[in-house]
N, C-alpha and C. Protein backbone atom coordinates (compact mmCIF):
# COMPACT_ATOMS: atom_id res chain seq x y z
N MET A 1 39.33 -64.56 9.32
CA MET A 1 38.39 -63.51 9.61
C MET A 1 37.30 -63.99 10.56
N THR A 2 36.93 -65.25 10.44
CA THR A 2 35.89 -65.80 11.31
C THR A 2 36.37 -65.82 12.75
N GLN A 3 37.63 -66.16 12.96
CA GLN A 3 38.18 -66.20 14.32
C GLN A 3 38.17 -64.81 14.93
N LEU A 4 38.50 -63.79 14.16
CA LEU A 4 38.46 -62.42 14.64
C LEU A 4 37.04 -62.03 15.01
N HIS A 5 36.09 -62.41 14.18
CA HIS A 5 34.67 -62.13 14.45
C HIS A 5 34.23 -62.80 15.75
N ASP A 6 34.63 -64.07 15.95
CA ASP A 6 34.27 -64.80 17.17
C ASP A 6 34.86 -64.13 18.40
N LEU A 7 36.12 -63.71 18.31
CA LEU A 7 36.76 -63.05 19.44
C LEU A 7 36.09 -61.71 19.76
N ARG A 8 35.74 -60.98 18.73
CA ARG A 8 35.07 -59.69 18.92
C ARG A 8 33.71 -59.90 19.57
N LEU A 9 32.97 -60.89 19.10
CA LEU A 9 31.65 -61.18 19.65
C LEU A 9 31.77 -61.62 21.11
N ARG A 10 32.74 -62.47 21.40
CA ARG A 10 32.96 -62.94 22.78
C ARG A 10 33.27 -61.76 23.69
N LEU A 11 34.12 -60.85 23.23
CA LEU A 11 34.48 -59.68 24.01
C LEU A 11 33.25 -58.81 24.28
N LEU A 12 32.44 -58.58 23.26
CA LEU A 12 31.24 -57.76 23.44
C LEU A 12 30.28 -58.39 24.45
N VAL A 13 30.09 -59.70 24.36
CA VAL A 13 29.19 -60.37 25.29
C VAL A 13 29.74 -60.33 26.71
N GLN A 14 31.04 -60.55 26.86
CA GLN A 14 31.64 -60.49 28.19
C GLN A 14 31.57 -59.09 28.78
N GLN A 15 31.79 -58.07 27.96
CA GLN A 15 31.70 -56.69 28.43
C GLN A 15 30.27 -56.38 28.88
N GLU A 16 29.31 -56.83 28.12
CA GLU A 16 27.92 -56.59 28.49
C GLU A 16 27.57 -57.34 29.77
N SER A 17 28.06 -58.56 29.92
CA SER A 17 27.82 -59.32 31.15
C SER A 17 28.39 -58.59 32.36
N GLU A 18 29.60 -58.07 32.21
CA GLU A 18 30.22 -57.32 33.30
C GLU A 18 29.44 -56.05 33.61
N ARG A 19 28.97 -55.37 32.57
CA ARG A 19 28.18 -54.15 32.78
C ARG A 19 26.90 -54.47 33.54
N ILE A 20 26.24 -55.55 33.16
CA ILE A 20 25.00 -55.96 33.84
C ILE A 20 25.31 -56.33 35.28
N ALA A 21 26.36 -57.09 35.50
CA ALA A 21 26.72 -57.53 36.85
C ALA A 21 27.05 -56.34 37.75
N GLU A 22 27.73 -55.34 37.21
CA GLU A 22 28.08 -54.16 38.00
C GLU A 22 26.87 -53.29 38.30
N SER A 23 25.92 -53.24 37.39
CA SER A 23 24.76 -52.38 37.60
C SER A 23 23.72 -53.01 38.52
N GLN A 24 23.67 -54.33 38.57
CA GLN A 24 22.70 -55.02 39.41
C GLN A 24 23.35 -56.23 40.08
N PRO A 25 24.32 -56.02 40.95
CA PRO A 25 25.09 -57.15 41.47
C PRO A 25 24.30 -58.10 42.36
N THR A 26 23.26 -57.65 43.03
CA THR A 26 22.55 -58.54 43.95
C THR A 26 21.24 -59.05 43.38
N ASP A 27 20.74 -58.43 42.34
CA ASP A 27 19.42 -58.78 41.83
C ASP A 27 19.46 -59.64 40.58
N LEU A 28 20.63 -60.02 40.12
CA LEU A 28 20.73 -60.64 38.82
C LEU A 28 21.59 -61.90 38.86
N ASP A 29 21.07 -62.95 38.27
CA ASP A 29 21.83 -64.18 38.11
C ASP A 29 22.21 -64.27 36.64
N LEU A 30 23.49 -64.06 36.33
CA LEU A 30 23.92 -64.02 34.94
C LEU A 30 23.71 -65.35 34.23
N SER A 31 23.71 -66.45 34.96
CA SER A 31 23.46 -67.74 34.31
C SER A 31 22.02 -67.80 33.79
N VAL A 32 21.09 -67.16 34.48
CA VAL A 32 19.71 -67.09 34.01
C VAL A 32 19.63 -66.21 32.77
N VAL A 33 20.34 -65.09 32.79
CA VAL A 33 20.38 -64.20 31.62
C VAL A 33 20.94 -64.95 30.42
N GLN A 34 22.04 -65.69 30.64
CA GLN A 34 22.65 -66.45 29.56
C GLN A 34 21.66 -67.49 29.00
N ALA A 35 20.97 -68.20 29.88
CA ALA A 35 20.01 -69.21 29.45
C ALA A 35 18.87 -68.59 28.65
N ARG A 36 18.37 -67.46 29.11
CA ARG A 36 17.28 -66.78 28.38
C ARG A 36 17.75 -66.30 27.01
N CYS A 37 18.96 -65.76 26.96
CA CYS A 37 19.52 -65.32 25.68
C CYS A 37 19.64 -66.48 24.71
N LEU A 38 20.11 -67.62 25.22
CA LEU A 38 20.26 -68.79 24.36
C LEU A 38 18.91 -69.27 23.83
N CYS A 39 17.88 -69.20 24.67
CA CYS A 39 16.54 -69.59 24.21
C CYS A 39 16.06 -68.67 23.08
N TRP A 40 16.22 -67.37 23.28
CA TRP A 40 15.79 -66.42 22.25
C TRP A 40 16.61 -66.56 20.98
N LEU A 41 17.91 -66.75 21.11
CA LEU A 41 18.75 -66.93 19.93
C LEU A 41 18.37 -68.18 19.16
N ALA A 42 18.05 -69.25 19.87
CA ALA A 42 17.62 -70.48 19.20
C ALA A 42 16.31 -70.27 18.46
N LEU A 43 15.38 -69.55 19.07
CA LEU A 43 14.11 -69.26 18.39
C LEU A 43 14.33 -68.39 17.15
N LEU A 44 15.20 -67.40 17.26
CA LEU A 44 15.50 -66.55 16.11
C LEU A 44 16.15 -67.35 14.98
N ALA A 45 17.09 -68.22 15.33
CA ALA A 45 17.74 -69.04 14.31
C ALA A 45 16.73 -69.95 13.62
N GLU A 46 15.84 -70.53 14.40
CA GLU A 46 14.80 -71.39 13.81
C GLU A 46 13.88 -70.60 12.89
N ALA A 47 13.50 -69.40 13.30
CA ALA A 47 12.65 -68.56 12.46
C ALA A 47 13.35 -68.20 11.15
N HIS A 48 14.65 -67.91 11.22
CA HIS A 48 15.40 -67.59 10.01
C HIS A 48 15.49 -68.81 9.09
N GLU A 49 15.66 -69.98 9.67
CA GLU A 49 15.69 -71.20 8.85
C GLU A 49 14.34 -71.43 8.18
N ASP A 50 13.26 -71.16 8.90
CA ASP A 50 11.92 -71.29 8.31
C ASP A 50 11.73 -70.30 7.16
N GLN A 51 12.23 -69.08 7.35
CA GLN A 51 12.14 -68.07 6.29
C GLN A 51 12.96 -68.50 5.08
N ALA A 52 14.11 -69.10 5.32
CA ALA A 52 14.95 -69.58 4.22
C ALA A 52 14.23 -70.69 3.45
N SER A 53 13.59 -71.60 4.17
CA SER A 53 12.85 -72.68 3.51
C SER A 53 11.68 -72.14 2.70
N ASP A 54 10.99 -71.16 3.27
CA ASP A 54 9.86 -70.55 2.57
C ASP A 54 10.33 -69.85 1.30
N ALA A 55 11.42 -69.12 1.37
CA ALA A 55 11.95 -68.43 0.19
C ALA A 55 12.42 -69.44 -0.85
N GLU A 56 12.97 -70.55 -0.40
CA GLU A 56 13.41 -71.59 -1.33
C GLU A 56 12.21 -72.21 -2.06
N ARG A 57 11.12 -72.42 -1.35
CA ARG A 57 9.89 -72.95 -1.99
C ARG A 57 9.34 -71.99 -3.03
N ARG A 58 9.54 -70.69 -2.78
CA ARG A 58 9.08 -69.69 -3.74
C ARG A 58 10.10 -69.47 -4.85
N SER A 59 11.17 -70.24 -4.85
CA SER A 59 12.25 -70.13 -5.84
C SER A 59 12.97 -68.79 -5.79
N ASP A 60 12.99 -68.18 -4.63
CA ASP A 60 13.72 -66.94 -4.42
C ASP A 60 15.07 -67.29 -3.79
N THR A 61 15.99 -67.72 -4.63
CA THR A 61 17.27 -68.24 -4.17
C THR A 61 18.07 -67.20 -3.40
N GLU A 62 18.09 -65.98 -3.88
CA GLU A 62 18.87 -64.93 -3.22
C GLU A 62 18.36 -64.68 -1.81
N GLN A 63 17.03 -64.59 -1.67
CA GLN A 63 16.44 -64.36 -0.35
C GLN A 63 16.68 -65.57 0.56
N ALA A 64 16.58 -66.77 0.00
CA ALA A 64 16.81 -67.99 0.78
C ALA A 64 18.24 -68.02 1.31
N MET A 65 19.18 -67.65 0.46
CA MET A 65 20.58 -67.64 0.88
C MET A 65 20.82 -66.62 1.99
N GLY A 66 20.16 -65.47 1.89
CA GLY A 66 20.29 -64.43 2.92
C GLY A 66 19.76 -64.91 4.27
N TRP A 67 18.56 -65.49 4.26
CA TRP A 67 17.98 -66.00 5.50
C TRP A 67 18.84 -67.12 6.07
N PHE A 68 19.34 -68.01 5.21
CA PHE A 68 20.15 -69.11 5.67
C PHE A 68 21.46 -68.61 6.28
N ALA A 69 22.08 -67.62 5.63
CA ALA A 69 23.33 -67.05 6.16
C ALA A 69 23.08 -66.42 7.54
N ASP A 70 21.96 -65.73 7.68
CA ASP A 70 21.63 -65.14 8.98
C ASP A 70 21.43 -66.21 10.04
N SER A 71 20.79 -67.30 9.66
CA SER A 71 20.57 -68.38 10.65
C SER A 71 21.90 -69.00 11.06
N MET A 72 22.83 -69.11 10.13
CA MET A 72 24.15 -69.66 10.48
C MET A 72 24.91 -68.70 11.39
N ARG A 73 24.78 -67.41 11.16
CA ARG A 73 25.42 -66.42 12.05
C ARG A 73 24.83 -66.54 13.45
N LEU A 74 23.51 -66.71 13.52
CA LEU A 74 22.88 -66.88 14.83
C LEU A 74 23.37 -68.15 15.52
N ARG A 75 23.56 -69.22 14.76
CA ARG A 75 24.09 -70.46 15.34
C ARG A 75 25.52 -70.23 15.88
N ASP A 76 26.29 -69.43 15.14
CA ASP A 76 27.64 -69.09 15.63
C ASP A 76 27.56 -68.32 16.95
N VAL A 77 26.62 -67.37 17.01
CA VAL A 77 26.45 -66.59 18.23
C VAL A 77 26.03 -67.50 19.38
N ILE A 78 25.15 -68.44 19.11
CA ILE A 78 24.72 -69.39 20.15
C ILE A 78 25.94 -70.14 20.69
N GLY A 79 26.82 -70.57 19.80
CA GLY A 79 28.03 -71.27 20.22
C GLY A 79 28.91 -70.41 21.10
N VAL A 80 29.06 -69.15 20.72
CA VAL A 80 29.91 -68.24 21.50
C VAL A 80 29.28 -67.96 22.86
N VAL A 81 27.98 -67.64 22.88
CA VAL A 81 27.31 -67.32 24.14
C VAL A 81 27.30 -68.52 25.08
N SER A 82 27.08 -69.70 24.54
CA SER A 82 27.04 -70.88 25.41
C SER A 82 28.42 -71.25 25.94
N SER A 83 29.48 -70.82 25.27
CA SER A 83 30.83 -71.14 25.74
C SER A 83 31.36 -70.16 26.77
N ILE A 84 30.66 -69.07 27.00
CA ILE A 84 31.13 -68.08 27.97
C ILE A 84 30.85 -68.59 29.38
N GLU A 85 31.89 -68.59 30.18
CA GLU A 85 31.76 -69.04 31.56
C GLU A 85 31.28 -67.88 32.41
N ILE A 86 30.12 -68.06 33.02
CA ILE A 86 29.56 -67.03 33.89
C ILE A 86 30.09 -67.27 35.30
N PRO A 87 30.74 -66.28 35.89
CA PRO A 87 31.26 -66.47 37.26
C PRO A 87 30.11 -66.58 38.25
N LEU A 88 30.30 -67.44 39.22
CA LEU A 88 29.30 -67.58 40.27
C LEU A 88 29.37 -66.38 41.19
N PRO A 89 28.22 -65.93 41.68
CA PRO A 89 28.24 -64.78 42.60
C PRO A 89 29.06 -65.11 43.83
N ALA A 90 29.80 -64.15 44.32
CA ALA A 90 30.61 -64.34 45.52
C ALA A 90 29.70 -64.22 46.74
N THR A 91 29.35 -65.35 47.34
CA THR A 91 28.45 -65.31 48.49
C THR A 91 29.17 -65.73 49.76
N ALA A 92 29.99 -66.75 49.68
CA ALA A 92 30.66 -67.24 50.89
C ALA A 92 31.92 -66.44 51.14
N GLY A 93 32.16 -66.17 52.41
CA GLY A 93 33.41 -65.53 52.78
C GLY A 93 33.36 -64.03 52.87
N GLU A 94 32.37 -63.37 52.30
CA GLU A 94 32.34 -61.92 52.37
C GLU A 94 31.81 -61.47 53.72
N ASP A 95 30.62 -61.89 54.08
CA ASP A 95 30.03 -61.49 55.34
C ASP A 95 29.83 -62.68 56.26
N GLY A 96 29.94 -63.86 55.74
CA GLY A 96 29.67 -65.06 56.52
C GLY A 96 30.90 -65.54 57.26
N PRO A 97 30.73 -66.61 58.01
CA PRO A 97 31.87 -67.14 58.77
C PRO A 97 32.92 -67.73 57.85
N GLN A 98 34.15 -67.64 58.27
CA GLN A 98 35.26 -68.20 57.53
C GLN A 98 35.36 -69.68 57.84
N PRO A 99 35.97 -70.49 56.96
CA PRO A 99 36.07 -71.93 57.21
C PRO A 99 36.75 -72.27 58.53
N GLU A 100 37.74 -71.49 58.97
CA GLU A 100 38.41 -71.76 60.23
C GLU A 100 37.44 -71.59 61.41
N GLU A 101 36.51 -70.68 61.28
CA GLU A 101 35.54 -70.43 62.36
C GLU A 101 34.52 -71.55 62.46
N ASP A 102 34.30 -72.29 61.37
CA ASP A 102 33.31 -73.35 61.36
C ASP A 102 33.82 -74.62 62.03
N LEU A 103 35.11 -74.75 62.23
CA LEU A 103 35.68 -75.98 62.76
C LEU A 103 35.51 -76.10 64.27
N GLY A 104 35.22 -75.04 64.93
CA GLY A 104 35.08 -75.08 66.39
C GLY A 104 36.43 -75.01 67.05
N PRO A 105 36.48 -75.23 68.37
CA PRO A 105 37.76 -75.14 69.08
C PRO A 105 38.70 -76.24 68.64
N GLN A 106 39.93 -75.91 68.51
CA GLN A 106 40.97 -76.86 68.10
C GLN A 106 41.71 -77.37 69.33
N ALA A 107 41.99 -78.66 69.34
CA ALA A 107 42.79 -79.22 70.43
C ALA A 107 44.24 -78.86 70.22
N ALA A 108 44.91 -78.46 71.30
CA ALA A 108 46.31 -78.07 71.17
C ALA A 108 47.24 -79.17 71.54
């Protein structure tokens, strides 16, 4: 079941990346978006771990387990998001010179 969850999450993230890339193809660097998402996810996971520790100190085992489970899910999401390969923007070859044009005149 975990593998199915990981695949579903990967698909959702990739679909969202494609949607973002199509809506803003020239103004957006998906690697920056990925890095920012990873930073926020790490902060959320840390906050959930802190909440779990706080609940454990208060002897609220059920609440501690809930916060801890959420932090582990966030860690799983971090793993999935960080493993997604973001394609580099296509810059060379579309409007610029082709490699053959850069070589200059060829000796015959």
